Amino acid sequence: MNELNLMTWYADRELDFCPNHFTKANTILTDESKLWIYEKCVGRFYIHELVTQNNLFFFGETVPYFEDPQEAVMYELAWS
């Protein structure tokens, strides 16, 4: 049986906007790495979708921003 992570259930850590002091991680976010953020990190974060245009096609990549720079480093070490 898995233990319940109270930070995931009772804290609203994913923000709808990105404050200026947040640190951007350069590694692309996946479903697995997003789950890792919820389970292993405790601070607030923001998910940003980068959209680039190549001729007529749009490509979206998602990257996380972290309030705690140490959590950004942990994410980079785990997923880069």
N, C-alpha and C. Protein backbone atom coordinates (compact mmCIF):
# COMPACT_ATOMS: atom_id res chain seq x y z
N MET A 1 0.84 -1.18 0.00
CA MET A 1 0.00 0.00 0.00
C MET A 1 0.89 1.25 0.00
N ASN A 2 0.59 2.21 -0.87
CA ASN A 2 1.35 3.45 -0.94
C ASN A 2 0.88 4.42 0.13
N GLU A 3 1.84 5.18 0.67
CA GLU A 3 1.48 6.20 1.64
C GLU A 3 0.97 7.43 0.94
N LEU A 4 0.03 8.11 1.55
CA LEU A 4 -0.56 9.32 1.00
C LEU A 4 0.39 10.49 1.23
N ASN A 5 0.71 11.22 0.16
CA ASN A 5 1.56 12.41 0.27
C ASN A 5 0.65 13.60 0.57
N LEU A 6 0.68 14.09 1.81
CA LEU A 6 -0.21 15.17 2.22
C LEU A 6 0.05 16.47 1.48
N MET A 7 1.30 16.71 1.07
CA MET A 7 1.61 17.92 0.30
C MET A 7 0.90 17.91 -1.05
N THR A 8 0.71 16.74 -1.62
CA THR A 8 0.02 16.63 -2.91
C THR A 8 -1.48 16.87 -2.75
N TRP A 9 -2.04 16.37 -1.67
CA TRP A 9 -3.49 16.45 -1.51
C TRP A 9 -3.99 17.75 -0.91
N TYR A 10 -3.23 18.35 0.00
CA TYR A 10 -3.76 19.50 0.75
C TYR A 10 -3.13 20.84 0.39
N ALA A 11 -2.14 20.86 -0.46
CA ALA A 11 -1.50 22.12 -0.82
C ALA A 11 -1.73 22.39 -2.31
N ASP A 12 -2.03 23.63 -2.62
CA ASP A 12 -2.20 24.04 -4.01
C ASP A 12 -0.87 24.61 -4.48
N ARG A 13 0.00 23.73 -4.96
CA ARG A 13 1.37 24.13 -5.26
C ARG A 13 1.58 24.52 -6.72
N GLU A 14 0.74 24.01 -7.62
CA GLU A 14 0.89 24.36 -9.03
C GLU A 14 0.16 25.68 -9.30
N LEU A 15 0.92 26.69 -9.71
CA LEU A 15 0.36 28.01 -9.93
C LEU A 15 -0.11 28.19 -11.37
N ASP A 16 -1.02 29.16 -11.57
CA ASP A 16 -1.53 29.48 -12.90
C ASP A 16 -0.72 30.60 -13.56
N PHE A 17 0.22 31.17 -12.84
CA PHE A 17 1.07 32.24 -13.36
C PHE A 17 2.49 32.00 -12.87
N CYS A 18 3.45 32.63 -13.52
CA CYS A 18 4.85 32.43 -13.15
C CYS A 18 5.42 33.71 -12.55
N PRO A 19 5.65 33.76 -11.25
CA PRO A 19 6.30 34.93 -10.65
C PRO A 19 7.73 35.09 -11.16
N ASN A 20 8.23 36.30 -11.12
CA ASN A 20 9.55 36.61 -11.66
C ASN A 20 10.69 35.87 -10.95
N HIS A 21 10.52 35.53 -9.69
CA HIS A 21 11.61 34.92 -8.94
C HIS A 21 11.71 33.40 -9.13
N PHE A 22 10.81 32.79 -9.90
CA PHE A 22 10.87 31.36 -10.13
C PHE A 22 12.03 31.01 -11.05
N THR A 23 12.60 29.82 -10.87
CA THR A 23 13.74 29.34 -11.65
C THR A 23 13.25 28.36 -12.70
N LYS A 24 13.65 28.59 -13.95
CA LYS A 24 13.23 27.73 -15.06
C LYS A 24 14.14 26.51 -15.15
N ALA A 25 13.52 25.35 -15.34
CA ALA A 25 14.28 24.13 -15.64
C ALA A 25 14.27 23.95 -17.15
N ASN A 26 15.36 23.49 -17.71
CA ASN A 26 15.48 23.37 -19.16
C ASN A 26 15.06 22.01 -19.70
N THR A 27 14.89 21.03 -18.84
CA THR A 27 14.51 19.68 -19.27
C THR A 27 13.00 19.62 -19.49
N ILE A 28 12.62 19.06 -20.64
CA ILE A 28 11.22 18.97 -21.02
C ILE A 28 10.44 18.12 -20.02
N LEU A 29 9.24 18.56 -19.71
CA LEU A 29 8.37 17.88 -18.75
C LEU A 29 7.61 16.75 -19.44
N THR A 30 7.58 15.60 -18.78
CA THR A 30 6.79 14.45 -19.24
C THR A 30 5.74 14.15 -18.16
N ASP A 31 4.85 13.23 -18.46
CA ASP A 31 3.86 12.84 -17.45
C ASP A 31 4.54 12.24 -16.22
N GLU A 32 5.58 11.45 -16.47
CA GLU A 32 6.30 10.81 -15.36
C GLU A 32 7.07 11.84 -14.53
N SER A 33 7.70 12.80 -15.18
CA SER A 33 8.46 13.80 -14.42
C SER A 33 7.52 14.77 -13.69
N LYS A 34 6.33 15.01 -14.22
CA LYS A 34 5.36 15.85 -13.51
C LYS A 34 4.90 15.15 -12.23
N LEU A 35 4.65 13.86 -12.33
CA LEU A 35 4.29 13.08 -11.13
C LEU A 35 5.43 13.13 -10.12
N TRP A 36 6.68 13.06 -10.59
CA TRP A 36 7.85 13.15 -9.71
C TRP A 36 7.86 14.49 -8.97
N ILE A 37 7.52 15.58 -9.67
CA ILE A 37 7.47 16.91 -9.03
C ILE A 37 6.45 16.89 -7.90
N TYR A 38 5.28 16.34 -8.16
CA TYR A 38 4.23 16.29 -7.12
C TYR A 38 4.66 15.46 -5.92
N GLU A 39 5.38 14.38 -6.15
CA GLU A 39 5.74 13.47 -5.07
C GLU A 39 7.04 13.82 -4.35
N LYS A 40 8.02 14.34 -5.05
CA LYS A 40 9.35 14.56 -4.46
C LYS A 40 9.62 16.00 -4.03
N CYS A 41 8.92 16.95 -4.60
CA CYS A 41 9.16 18.36 -4.26
C CYS A 41 8.08 18.85 -3.30
N VAL A 42 8.39 19.92 -2.57
CA VAL A 42 7.41 20.45 -1.62
C VAL A 42 7.04 21.90 -1.90
N GLY A 43 7.81 22.58 -2.74
CA GLY A 43 7.57 24.00 -3.01
C GLY A 43 6.60 24.20 -4.17
N ARG A 44 6.31 25.47 -4.42
CA ARG A 44 5.40 25.83 -5.51
C ARG A 44 6.13 25.74 -6.85
N PHE A 45 5.36 25.50 -7.90
CA PHE A 45 5.93 25.41 -9.24
C PHE A 45 4.91 25.89 -10.26
N TYR A 46 5.39 26.13 -11.47
CA TYR A 46 4.56 26.57 -12.58
C TYR A 46 4.94 25.75 -13.80
N ILE A 47 3.96 25.34 -14.58
CA ILE A 47 4.19 24.58 -15.81
C ILE A 47 3.93 25.51 -16.99
N HIS A 48 4.94 25.66 -17.86
CA HIS A 48 4.84 26.58 -18.99
C HIS A 48 5.00 25.82 -20.30
N GLU A 49 4.08 26.05 -21.24
CA GLU A 49 4.17 25.42 -22.54
C GLU A 49 4.82 26.38 -23.52
N LEU A 50 5.94 25.95 -24.09
CA LEU A 50 6.65 26.72 -25.09
C LEU A 50 6.12 26.31 -26.46
N VAL A 51 5.66 27.25 -27.24
CA VAL A 51 5.13 26.95 -28.56
C VAL A 51 6.02 27.61 -29.60
N THR A 52 6.54 26.81 -30.52
CA THR A 52 7.36 27.32 -31.61
C THR A 52 6.68 26.98 -32.93
N GLN A 53 6.89 27.84 -33.90
CA GLN A 53 6.27 27.63 -35.21
C GLN A 53 7.33 27.29 -36.24
N ASN A 54 7.08 26.21 -36.98
CA ASN A 54 7.96 25.80 -38.06
C ASN A 54 7.09 25.69 -39.31
N ASN A 55 7.16 26.68 -40.18
CA ASN A 55 6.28 26.80 -41.35
C ASN A 55 4.83 26.88 -40.88
N LEU A 56 4.02 25.87 -41.10
CA LEU A 56 2.61 25.92 -40.73
C LEU A 56 2.27 25.07 -39.51
N PHE A 57 3.29 24.44 -38.91
CA PHE A 57 3.05 23.54 -37.79
C PHE A 57 3.50 24.18 -36.49
N PHE A 58 2.77 23.90 -35.42
CA PHE A 58 3.13 24.38 -34.09
C PHE A 58 3.60 23.20 -33.25
N PHE A 59 4.71 23.38 -32.56
CA PHE A 59 5.27 22.35 -31.70
C PHE A 59 5.25 22.87 -30.27
N GLY A 60 4.69 22.10 -29.37
CA GLY A 60 4.62 22.51 -27.98
C GLY A 60 5.51 21.66 -27.10
N GLU A 61 6.32 22.30 -26.31
CA GLU A 61 7.12 21.61 -25.30
C GLU A 61 6.83 22.28 -23.97
N THR A 62 6.76 21.48 -22.93
CA THR A 62 6.40 21.99 -21.62
C THR A 62 7.60 21.90 -20.70
N VAL A 63 7.86 22.99 -19.96
CA VAL A 63 8.96 23.02 -18.99
C VAL A 63 8.44 23.54 -17.66
N PRO A 64 9.01 23.07 -16.56
CA PRO A 64 8.59 23.55 -15.24
C PRO A 64 9.45 24.73 -14.76
N TYR A 65 8.87 25.56 -13.95
CA TYR A 65 9.56 26.62 -13.22
C TYR A 65 9.35 26.32 -11.74
N PHE A 66 10.38 26.52 -10.94
CA PHE A 66 10.31 26.21 -9.51
C PHE A 66 10.57 27.45 -8.67
N GLU A 67 9.87 27.56 -7.56
CA GLU A 67 10.12 28.66 -6.63
C GLU A 67 11.45 28.46 -5.91
N ASP A 68 11.75 27.23 -5.55
CA ASP A 68 12.99 26.90 -4.86
C ASP A 68 14.04 26.47 -5.89
N PRO A 69 15.13 27.22 -6.06
CA PRO A 69 16.16 26.85 -7.03
C PRO A 69 16.75 25.47 -6.78
N GLN A 70 16.77 25.03 -5.54
CA GLN A 70 17.30 23.70 -5.23
C GLN A 70 16.41 22.61 -5.82
N GLU A 71 15.11 22.83 -5.86
CA GLU A 71 14.21 21.86 -6.47
C GLU A 71 14.40 21.84 -7.99
N ALA A 72 14.71 22.98 -8.58
CA ALA A 72 15.01 23.02 -10.02
C ALA A 72 16.26 22.20 -10.32
N VAL A 73 17.26 22.29 -9.45
CA VAL A 73 18.50 21.52 -9.64
C VAL A 73 18.20 20.03 -9.47
N MET A 74 17.42 19.67 -8.46
CA MET A 74 17.07 18.26 -8.26
C MET A 74 16.32 17.72 -9.48
N TYR A 75 15.42 18.50 -10.03
CA TYR A 75 14.68 18.08 -11.21
C TYR A 75 15.62 17.86 -12.39
N GLU A 76 16.53 18.79 -12.61
CA GLU A 76 17.50 18.66 -13.70
C GLU A 76 18.39 17.43 -13.53
N LEU A 77 18.84 17.17 -12.31
CA LEU A 77 19.67 16.00 -12.07
C LEU A 77 18.90 14.70 -12.29
N ALA A 78 17.64 14.69 -11.94
CA ALA A 78 16.85 13.48 -12.07
C ALA A 78 16.38 13.22 -13.51
N TRP A 79 16.11 14.27 -14.28
CA TRP A 79 15.44 14.09 -15.57
C TRP A 79 16.24 14.55 -16.79
N SER A 80 17.40 15.12 -16.62
CA SER A 80 18.15 15.57 -17.82
C SER A 80 19.01 14.46 -18.37
